[in-house]
Amino acid sequence: MSPVNTPAPLAGRLNQAQPYALGLFRIVVGLLFACHGASSLFGVLGGAMGGGGTVPTGTWPGWYAAIIQLVAGVLVLAGLGTRSAAFLASGSMAYAYFKVHQPESLFPLQNGGETAALFCWAFVLLVFTGPGALALDRLLPTRAGTTAPTRDEQQNQSAPIAA
């Protein structure tokens, strides 16, 4: 008879891959967000709002949003200060949704705010889950002067000791 809490073979493999899937999710979301900022600031990838131009320096809120998109996107992409950068990015997308899109209509499909809503919630997820695997944060020493523990080390620390 097998123990009750033994995961199925597929579930076990998926659980092992979870940090890497989360890391890839973080990389893709960070890259896409940074591309939005780069297009608005530098006119690349179609430019600001697909018009080929750039957002004038210092204009509120467009230029500041583009700076947040570029910087937070690169930080999330690299996995440096992921939770803080994701928190800032999520807030900027919530602001964009409620100030720009929501006054037009309640639902994102009607007001063109799908991208802002999805980015907002994707970054909220990263705030709570952390960067996953493949993050540069994992290479940096923590405040105690040691490297950050891996997920396996964290699980082993919380596991009960068998007698």
N, C-alpha and C. Protein backbone atom coordinates (compact mmCIF):
# COMPACT_ATOMS: atom_id res chain seq x y z
N MET A 1 0.84 -1.17 0.00
CA MET A 1 0.00 0.00 0.00
C MET A 1 0.90 1.24 0.00
N SER A 2 0.57 2.22 -0.84
CA SER A 2 1.41 3.41 -0.95
C SER A 2 0.93 4.49 0.02
N PRO A 3 1.85 5.34 0.45
CA PRO A 3 1.45 6.44 1.35
C PRO A 3 0.45 7.36 0.67
N VAL A 4 -0.37 8.00 1.47
CA VAL A 4 -1.45 8.85 0.96
C VAL A 4 -0.92 10.08 0.24
N ASN A 5 0.15 10.69 0.71
CA ASN A 5 0.63 11.96 0.17
C ASN A 5 1.67 11.80 -0.93
N THR A 6 1.88 10.60 -1.46
CA THR A 6 2.85 10.40 -2.52
C THR A 6 2.28 10.96 -3.82
N PRO A 7 2.99 11.92 -4.46
CA PRO A 7 2.48 12.47 -5.71
C PRO A 7 2.61 11.46 -6.84
N ALA A 8 1.72 11.58 -7.80
CA ALA A 8 1.80 10.74 -8.99
C ALA A 8 3.08 11.08 -9.73
N PRO A 9 3.60 10.15 -10.54
CA PRO A 9 4.86 10.41 -11.23
C PRO A 9 4.84 11.71 -12.06
N LEU A 10 3.77 11.97 -12.78
CA LEU A 10 3.69 13.19 -13.58
C LEU A 10 3.65 14.43 -12.70
N ALA A 11 2.86 14.37 -11.66
CA ALA A 11 2.77 15.52 -10.75
C ALA A 11 4.12 15.78 -10.09
N GLY A 12 4.84 14.76 -9.76
CA GLY A 12 6.16 14.93 -9.16
C GLY A 12 7.13 15.61 -10.12
N ARG A 13 7.10 15.19 -11.39
CA ARG A 13 7.97 15.82 -12.38
C ARG A 13 7.58 17.26 -12.62
N LEU A 14 6.27 17.53 -12.66
CA LEU A 14 5.82 18.91 -12.84
C LEU A 14 6.22 19.77 -11.66
N ASN A 15 6.13 19.23 -10.45
CA ASN A 15 6.54 19.97 -9.26
C ASN A 15 8.03 20.29 -9.29
N GLN A 16 8.84 19.36 -9.80
CA GLN A 16 10.27 19.61 -9.91
C GLN A 16 10.57 20.70 -10.94
N ALA A 17 9.77 20.78 -11.98
CA ALA A 17 9.99 21.77 -13.04
C ALA A 17 9.39 23.13 -12.71
N GLN A 18 8.61 23.21 -11.65
CA GLN A 18 7.90 24.46 -11.33
C GLN A 18 8.81 25.68 -11.21
N PRO A 19 9.95 25.62 -10.52
CA PRO A 19 10.81 26.81 -10.44
C PRO A 19 11.30 27.27 -11.82
N TYR A 20 11.54 26.33 -12.72
CA TYR A 20 12.03 26.67 -14.06
C TYR A 20 10.91 27.27 -14.91
N ALA A 21 9.71 26.73 -14.78
CA ALA A 21 8.56 27.30 -15.50
C ALA A 21 8.29 28.71 -15.00
N LEU A 22 8.38 28.92 -13.69
CA LEU A 22 8.20 30.25 -13.13
C LEU A 22 9.30 31.20 -13.59
N GLY A 23 10.52 30.71 -13.65
CA GLY A 23 11.63 31.51 -14.15
C GLY A 23 11.44 31.92 -15.60
N LEU A 24 10.98 31.00 -16.43
CA LEU A 24 10.71 31.33 -17.84
C LEU A 24 9.56 32.32 -17.96
N PHE A 25 8.53 32.15 -17.14
CA PHE A 25 7.41 33.10 -17.12
C PHE A 25 7.93 34.49 -16.78
N ARG A 26 8.76 34.60 -15.74
CA ARG A 26 9.33 35.88 -15.33
C ARG A 26 10.15 36.50 -16.46
N ILE A 27 10.96 35.71 -17.14
CA ILE A 27 11.80 36.21 -18.22
C ILE A 27 10.95 36.76 -19.37
N VAL A 28 9.93 36.02 -19.77
CA VAL A 28 9.08 36.46 -20.88
C VAL A 28 8.31 37.72 -20.51
N VAL A 29 7.72 37.74 -19.33
CA VAL A 29 6.94 38.91 -18.90
C VAL A 29 7.86 40.13 -18.79
N GLY A 30 9.04 39.96 -18.21
CA GLY A 30 9.99 41.06 -18.10
C GLY A 30 10.44 41.58 -19.45
N LEU A 31 10.71 40.68 -20.38
CA LEU A 31 11.13 41.08 -21.73
C LEU A 31 10.03 41.86 -22.44
N LEU A 32 8.81 41.36 -22.39
CA LEU A 32 7.69 42.05 -23.05
C LEU A 32 7.46 43.43 -22.44
N PHE A 33 7.57 43.53 -21.12
CA PHE A 33 7.35 44.81 -20.44
C PHE A 33 8.46 45.80 -20.80
N ALA A 34 9.70 45.33 -20.82
CA ALA A 34 10.83 46.19 -21.19
C ALA A 34 10.69 46.67 -22.64
N CYS A 35 10.18 45.82 -23.51
CA CYS A 35 9.97 46.22 -24.91
C CYS A 35 8.96 47.36 -25.02
N HIS A 36 7.93 47.35 -24.19
CA HIS A 36 6.96 48.45 -24.18
C HIS A 36 7.65 49.76 -23.81
N GLY A 37 8.49 49.72 -22.79
CA GLY A 37 9.20 50.92 -22.37
C GLY A 37 10.18 51.40 -23.42
N ALA A 38 10.92 50.45 -24.02
CA ALA A 38 11.90 50.82 -25.06
C ALA A 38 11.22 51.43 -26.28
N SER A 39 10.07 50.90 -26.64
CA SER A 39 9.38 51.45 -27.81
C SER A 39 8.91 52.87 -27.55
N SER A 40 8.47 53.14 -26.35
CA SER A 40 8.00 54.50 -26.02
C SER A 40 9.15 55.49 -25.86
N LEU A 41 10.26 55.03 -25.30
CA LEU A 41 11.38 55.93 -25.03
C LEU A 41 12.27 56.15 -26.24
N PHE A 42 12.48 55.10 -27.05
CA PHE A 42 13.47 55.17 -28.11
C PHE A 42 12.88 55.04 -29.51
N GLY A 43 11.58 54.80 -29.63
CA GLY A 43 10.94 54.69 -30.93
C GLY A 43 11.22 53.39 -31.66
N VAL A 44 11.76 52.40 -30.97
CA VAL A 44 12.03 51.11 -31.57
C VAL A 44 10.79 50.23 -31.52
N LEU A 45 10.79 49.15 -32.28
CA LEU A 45 9.71 48.17 -32.25
C LEU A 45 8.34 48.80 -32.53
N GLY A 46 8.30 49.76 -33.41
CA GLY A 46 7.04 50.40 -33.76
C GLY A 46 6.80 51.72 -33.08
N GLY A 47 7.61 52.04 -32.08
CA GLY A 47 7.50 53.33 -31.41
C GLY A 47 6.33 53.41 -30.46
N ALA A 48 6.16 54.60 -29.91
CA ALA A 48 5.11 54.84 -28.91
C ALA A 48 3.73 54.59 -29.52
N MET A 49 2.98 53.70 -28.90
CA MET A 49 1.62 53.34 -29.32
C MET A 49 1.56 52.97 -30.80
N GLY A 50 2.64 52.37 -31.32
CA GLY A 50 2.68 51.91 -32.70
C GLY A 50 2.80 53.01 -33.73
N GLY A 51 2.97 54.26 -33.29
CA GLY A 51 3.04 55.38 -34.21
C GLY A 51 4.43 55.73 -34.69
N GLY A 52 5.44 54.99 -34.25
CA GLY A 52 6.79 55.23 -34.71
C GLY A 52 7.54 56.30 -33.94
N GLY A 53 6.88 57.10 -33.15
CA GLY A 53 7.55 58.17 -32.42
C GLY A 53 7.92 57.77 -31.01
N THR A 54 8.32 58.77 -30.24
CA THR A 54 8.67 58.55 -28.84
C THR A 54 7.78 59.44 -27.97
N VAL A 55 7.72 59.12 -26.70
CA VAL A 55 6.99 59.93 -25.74
C VAL A 55 7.89 61.11 -25.37
N PRO A 56 7.40 62.35 -25.43
CA PRO A 56 8.25 63.49 -25.07
C PRO A 56 8.77 63.37 -23.63
N THR A 57 10.03 63.70 -23.46
CA THR A 57 10.70 63.59 -22.16
C THR A 57 9.97 64.39 -21.09
N GLY A 58 9.73 63.73 -19.96
CA GLY A 58 9.15 64.38 -18.80
C GLY A 58 7.65 64.53 -18.80
N THR A 59 6.96 64.06 -19.84
CA THR A 59 5.49 64.20 -19.85
C THR A 59 4.85 63.20 -18.91
N TRP A 60 3.82 63.67 -18.23
CA TRP A 60 3.08 62.83 -17.28
C TRP A 60 1.85 62.28 -17.96
N PRO A 61 1.52 61.05 -17.80
CA PRO A 61 2.26 59.98 -17.15
C PRO A 61 3.08 59.14 -18.12
N GLY A 62 2.98 59.41 -19.42
CA GLY A 62 3.58 58.54 -20.44
C GLY A 62 5.07 58.30 -20.30
N TRP A 63 5.84 59.36 -20.12
CA TRP A 63 7.29 59.20 -20.06
C TRP A 63 7.68 58.44 -18.80
N TYR A 64 7.06 58.76 -17.68
CA TYR A 64 7.37 58.09 -16.41
C TYR A 64 6.95 56.61 -16.48
N ALA A 65 5.84 56.34 -17.12
CA ALA A 65 5.40 54.95 -17.29
C ALA A 65 6.41 54.18 -18.14
N ALA A 66 6.91 54.82 -19.18
CA ALA A 66 7.89 54.16 -20.05
C ALA A 66 9.19 53.87 -19.31
N ILE A 67 9.61 54.78 -18.44
CA ILE A 67 10.82 54.55 -17.63
C ILE A 67 10.59 53.35 -16.70
N ILE A 68 9.42 53.33 -16.04
CA ILE A 68 9.10 52.20 -15.16
C ILE A 68 9.06 50.90 -15.96
N GLN A 69 8.46 50.93 -17.14
CA GLN A 69 8.37 49.73 -17.97
C GLN A 69 9.76 49.22 -18.35
N LEU A 70 10.63 50.11 -18.78
CA LEU A 70 11.96 49.69 -19.20
C LEU A 70 12.78 49.18 -18.02
N VAL A 71 12.86 49.95 -16.95
CA VAL A 71 13.71 49.57 -15.82
C VAL A 71 13.14 48.35 -15.09
N ALA A 72 11.87 48.39 -14.74
CA ALA A 72 11.28 47.25 -14.03
C ALA A 72 11.28 46.01 -14.92
N GLY A 73 11.04 46.17 -16.20
CA GLY A 73 11.06 45.04 -17.12
C GLY A 73 12.43 44.37 -17.17
N VAL A 74 13.49 45.17 -17.25
CA VAL A 74 14.84 44.62 -17.28
C VAL A 74 15.18 43.94 -15.95
N LEU A 75 14.79 44.55 -14.83
CA LEU A 75 15.05 43.94 -13.53
C LEU A 75 14.31 42.61 -13.38
N VAL A 76 13.05 42.58 -13.78
CA VAL A 76 12.29 41.33 -13.69
C VAL A 76 12.88 40.30 -14.65
N LEU A 77 13.23 40.70 -15.84
CA LEU A 77 13.84 39.80 -16.82
C LEU A 77 15.10 39.16 -16.25
N ALA A 78 15.95 39.97 -15.62
CA ALA A 78 17.20 39.46 -15.06
C ALA A 78 17.01 38.74 -13.73
N GLY A 79 15.90 38.98 -13.07
CA GLY A 79 15.68 38.38 -11.76
C GLY A 79 16.44 39.11 -10.67
N LEU A 80 16.56 40.42 -10.80
CA LEU A 80 17.22 41.25 -9.79
C LEU A 80 16.17 42.09 -9.08
N GLY A 81 16.01 41.90 -7.79
CA GLY A 81 14.99 42.64 -7.06
C GLY A 81 13.61 42.39 -7.64
N THR A 82 13.36 41.16 -8.00
CA THR A 82 12.15 40.80 -8.73
C THR A 82 10.88 41.23 -8.02
N ARG A 83 10.78 40.95 -6.75
CA ARG A 83 9.53 41.26 -6.04
C ARG A 83 9.28 42.76 -5.98
N SER A 84 10.30 43.54 -5.72
CA SER A 84 10.14 45.00 -5.66
C SER A 84 9.83 45.58 -7.03
N ALA A 85 10.56 45.13 -8.04
CA ALA A 85 10.32 45.62 -9.41
C ALA A 85 8.93 45.21 -9.89
N ALA A 86 8.51 43.99 -9.57
CA ALA A 86 7.19 43.52 -9.98
C ALA A 86 6.09 44.31 -9.26
N PHE A 87 6.33 44.65 -8.00
CA PHE A 87 5.35 45.45 -7.26
C PHE A 87 5.17 46.82 -7.90
N LEU A 88 6.27 47.47 -8.25
CA LEU A 88 6.21 48.78 -8.91
C LEU A 88 5.54 48.66 -10.28
N ALA A 89 5.90 47.64 -11.04
CA ALA A 89 5.32 47.44 -12.37
C ALA A 89 3.82 47.16 -12.28
N SER A 90 3.42 46.36 -11.30
CA SER A 90 2.00 46.06 -11.13
C SER A 90 1.21 47.32 -10.81
N GLY A 91 1.75 48.14 -9.93
CA GLY A 91 1.09 49.39 -9.59
C GLY A 91 0.97 50.32 -10.77
N SER A 92 2.01 50.38 -11.60
CA SER A 92 1.94 51.25 -12.78
C SER A 92 0.88 50.76 -13.77
N MET A 93 0.73 49.45 -13.86
CA MET A 93 -0.28 48.91 -14.78
C MET A 93 -1.68 49.07 -14.21
N ALA A 94 -1.82 48.99 -12.89
CA ALA A 94 -3.13 49.25 -12.28
C ALA A 94 -3.52 50.71 -12.52
N TYR A 95 -2.56 51.62 -12.36
CA TYR A 95 -2.81 53.04 -12.63
C TYR A 95 -3.22 53.23 -14.10
N ALA A 96 -2.48 52.60 -15.00
CA ALA A 96 -2.79 52.71 -16.43
C ALA A 96 -4.20 52.21 -16.72
N TYR A 97 -4.56 51.09 -16.11
CA TYR A 97 -5.88 50.54 -16.38
C TYR A 97 -6.98 51.48 -15.87
N PHE A 98 -6.87 51.89 -14.61
CA PHE A 98 -7.97 52.65 -14.00
C PHE A 98 -8.01 54.10 -14.45
N LYS A 99 -6.90 54.68 -14.84
CA LYS A 99 -6.90 56.08 -15.28
C LYS A 99 -7.08 56.23 -16.79
N VAL A 100 -6.58 55.29 -17.56
CA VAL A 100 -6.62 55.42 -19.02
C VAL A 100 -7.74 54.59 -19.63
N HIS A 101 -7.84 53.33 -19.25
CA HIS A 101 -8.76 52.42 -19.92
C HIS A 101 -10.14 52.35 -19.29
N GLN A 102 -10.22 52.18 -17.99
CA GLN A 102 -11.49 51.94 -17.32
C GLN A 102 -12.50 53.07 -17.51
N PRO A 103 -12.10 54.35 -17.58
CA PRO A 103 -13.11 55.39 -17.83
C PRO A 103 -13.86 55.24 -19.16
N GLU A 104 -13.25 54.55 -20.11
CA GLU A 104 -13.90 54.33 -21.41
C GLU A 104 -15.02 53.29 -21.31
N SER A 105 -14.78 52.26 -20.53
CA SER A 105 -15.74 51.17 -20.37
C SER A 105 -15.27 50.30 -19.21
N LEU A 106 -16.16 49.52 -18.63
CA LEU A 106 -15.82 48.71 -17.47
C LEU A 106 -14.91 47.53 -17.81
N PHE A 107 -15.16 46.85 -18.90
CA PHE A 107 -14.46 45.61 -19.20
C PHE A 107 -13.25 45.82 -20.11
N PRO A 108 -12.14 45.12 -19.82
CA PRO A 108 -10.92 45.30 -20.62
C PRO A 108 -11.11 45.05 -22.11
N LEU A 109 -11.95 44.11 -22.47
CA LEU A 109 -12.16 43.83 -23.89
C LEU A 109 -12.80 45.02 -24.59
N GLN A 110 -13.60 45.77 -23.89
CA GLN A 110 -14.28 46.93 -24.48
C GLN A 110 -13.43 48.20 -24.43
N ASN A 111 -12.52 48.31 -23.45
CA ASN A 111 -11.77 49.55 -23.29
C ASN A 111 -10.32 49.47 -23.74
N GLY A 112 -9.89 48.33 -24.31
CA GLY A 112 -8.52 48.18 -24.78
C GLY A 112 -7.50 47.98 -23.68
N GLY A 113 -7.94 47.62 -22.51
CA GLY A 113 -7.03 47.48 -21.37
C GLY A 113 -6.58 46.07 -21.06
N GLU A 114 -6.72 45.14 -22.01
CA GLU A 114 -6.33 43.76 -21.73
C GLU A 114 -4.86 43.66 -21.35
N THR A 115 -4.00 44.35 -22.10
CA THR A 115 -2.57 44.27 -21.84
C THR A 115 -2.24 44.81 -20.45
N ALA A 116 -2.81 45.96 -20.09
CA ALA A 116 -2.55 46.53 -18.77
C ALA A 116 -3.04 45.58 -17.67
N ALA A 117 -4.22 45.01 -17.84
CA ALA A 117 -4.77 44.10 -16.83
C ALA A 117 -3.91 42.84 -16.70
N LEU A 118 -3.52 42.26 -17.83
CA LEU A 118 -2.70 41.05 -17.77
C LEU A 118 -1.33 41.31 -17.17
N PHE A 119 -0.68 42.40 -17.56
CA PHE A 119 0.61 42.74 -16.96
C PHE A 119 0.45 42.97 -15.46
N CYS A 120 -0.59 43.68 -15.06
CA CYS A 120 -0.82 43.96 -13.64
C CYS A 120 -0.89 42.65 -12.85
N TRP A 121 -1.70 41.72 -13.30
CA TRP A 121 -1.87 40.47 -12.55
C TRP A 121 -0.66 39.55 -12.68
N ALA A 122 0.05 39.59 -13.80
CA ALA A 122 1.26 38.78 -13.94
C ALA A 122 2.31 39.25 -12.94
N PHE A 123 2.43 40.57 -12.79
CA PHE A 123 3.39 41.10 -11.83
C PHE A 123 2.96 40.85 -10.38
N VAL A 124 1.67 40.87 -10.11
CA VAL A 124 1.19 40.52 -8.76
C VAL A 124 1.60 39.08 -8.45
N LEU A 125 1.46 38.19 -9.41
CA LEU A 125 1.88 36.80 -9.22
C LEU A 125 3.36 36.73 -8.87
N LEU A 126 4.19 37.49 -9.58
CA LEU A 126 5.63 37.47 -9.30
C LEU A 126 5.97 38.07 -7.94
N VAL A 127 5.18 39.02 -7.48
CA VAL A 127 5.40 39.57 -6.14
C VAL A 127 5.26 38.46 -5.10
N PHE A 128 4.26 37.61 -5.27
CA PHE A 128 4.00 36.57 -4.28
C PHE A 128 4.83 35.31 -4.47
N THR A 129 5.21 34.97 -5.70
CA THR A 129 5.95 33.73 -5.93
C THR A 129 7.46 33.92 -5.92
N GLY A 130 7.92 35.13 -6.18
CA GLY A 130 9.36 35.36 -6.30
C GLY A 130 9.81 35.03 -7.72
N PRO A 131 11.12 35.05 -7.95
CA PRO A 131 11.63 34.96 -9.31
C PRO A 131 11.69 33.58 -9.93
N GLY A 132 11.59 32.53 -9.13
CA GLY A 132 11.76 31.19 -9.69
C GLY A 132 13.23 30.93 -9.96
N ALA A 133 13.49 29.97 -10.84
CA ALA A 133 14.86 29.60 -11.17
C ALA A 133 15.45 30.61 -12.16
N LEU A 134 16.72 30.50 -12.39
CA LEU A 134 17.43 31.29 -13.40
C LEU A 134 17.42 32.78 -13.11
N ALA A 135 17.40 33.16 -11.85
CA ALA A 135 17.38 34.57 -11.45
C ALA A 135 18.75 34.97 -10.92
N LEU A 136 19.19 36.16 -11.27
CA LEU A 136 20.48 36.65 -10.78
C LEU A 136 20.45 36.89 -9.27
N ASP A 137 19.28 37.11 -8.70
CA ASP A 137 19.16 37.26 -7.25
C ASP A 137 19.77 36.07 -6.51
N ARG A 138 19.66 34.92 -7.09
CA ARG A 138 20.14 33.70 -6.43
C ARG A 138 21.66 33.68 -6.32
N LEU A 139 22.35 34.48 -7.14
CA LEU A 139 23.80 34.51 -7.11
C LEU A 139 24.35 35.52 -6.11
N LEU A 140 23.49 36.43 -5.66
CA LEU A 140 23.93 37.49 -4.75
C LEU A 140 23.85 37.02 -3.30
N PRO A 141 24.78 37.50 -2.48
CA PRO A 141 24.71 37.14 -1.06
C PRO A 141 23.51 37.82 -0.42
N THR A 142 22.95 37.16 0.58
CA THR A 142 21.85 37.76 1.33
C THR A 142 22.44 38.67 2.40
N ARG A 143 21.61 39.30 3.19
CA ARG A 143 22.09 40.21 4.23
C ARG A 143 22.95 39.51 5.27
N ALA A 144 22.72 38.23 5.46
CA ALA A 144 23.49 37.48 6.45
C ALA A 144 24.87 37.11 5.92
N GLY A 145 25.14 37.41 4.63
CA GLY A 145 26.45 37.14 4.06
C GLY A 145 26.55 35.78 3.41
N THR A 146 25.46 35.10 3.20
CA THR A 146 25.47 33.81 2.53
C THR A 146 24.63 33.90 1.28
N THR A 147 24.75 32.91 0.45
CA THR A 147 23.92 32.89 -0.74
C THR A 147 22.51 32.45 -0.37
N ALA A 148 21.56 32.83 -1.19
CA ALA A 148 20.17 32.48 -0.92
C ALA A 148 19.99 30.97 -1.02
N PRO A 149 19.21 30.38 -0.11
CA PRO A 149 19.01 28.94 -0.15
C PRO A 149 18.17 28.54 -1.37
N THR A 150 18.48 27.37 -1.90
CA THR A 150 17.69 26.86 -3.00
C THR A 150 16.36 26.35 -2.47
N ARG A 151 15.46 26.04 -3.37
CA ARG A 151 14.14 25.55 -2.95
C ARG A 151 14.28 24.23 -2.19
N ASP A 152 15.19 23.35 -2.66
CA ASP A 152 15.39 22.08 -1.98
C ASP A 152 15.91 22.29 -0.56
N GLU A 153 16.84 23.27 -0.39
CA GLU A 153 17.35 23.56 0.94
C GLU A 153 16.26 24.10 1.85
N GLN A 154 15.38 24.94 1.30
CA GLN A 154 14.28 25.47 2.09
C GLN A 154 13.34 24.36 2.53
N GLN A 155 13.05 23.42 1.62
CA GLN A 155 12.15 22.32 1.95
C GLN A 155 12.79 21.41 3.01
N ASN A 156 14.11 21.18 2.89
CA ASN A 156 14.78 20.32 3.85
C ASN A 156 14.83 20.95 5.24
N GLN A 157 14.92 22.29 5.30
CA GLN A 157 14.94 22.96 6.59
C GLN A 157 13.62 22.84 7.32
N SER A 158 12.52 22.81 6.55
CA SER A 158 11.20 22.75 7.17
C SER A 158 10.70 21.32 7.34
N ALA A 159 11.42 20.34 6.80
CA ALA A 159 10.99 18.95 6.90
C ALA A 159 11.26 18.43 8.31
N PRO A 160 10.33 17.65 8.86
CA PRO A 160 10.55 17.09 10.19
C PRO A 160 11.68 16.07 10.17
N ILE A 161 12.38 15.97 11.26
CA ILE A 161 13.49 15.03 11.36
C ILE A 161 12.94 13.68 11.78
N ALA A 162 13.28 12.67 11.02
CA ALA A 162 12.79 11.32 11.32
C ALA A 162 13.62 10.73 12.43
N ALA A 163 12.98 10.00 13.31
CA ALA A 163 13.68 9.37 14.44
C ALA A 163 14.18 8.01 14.08
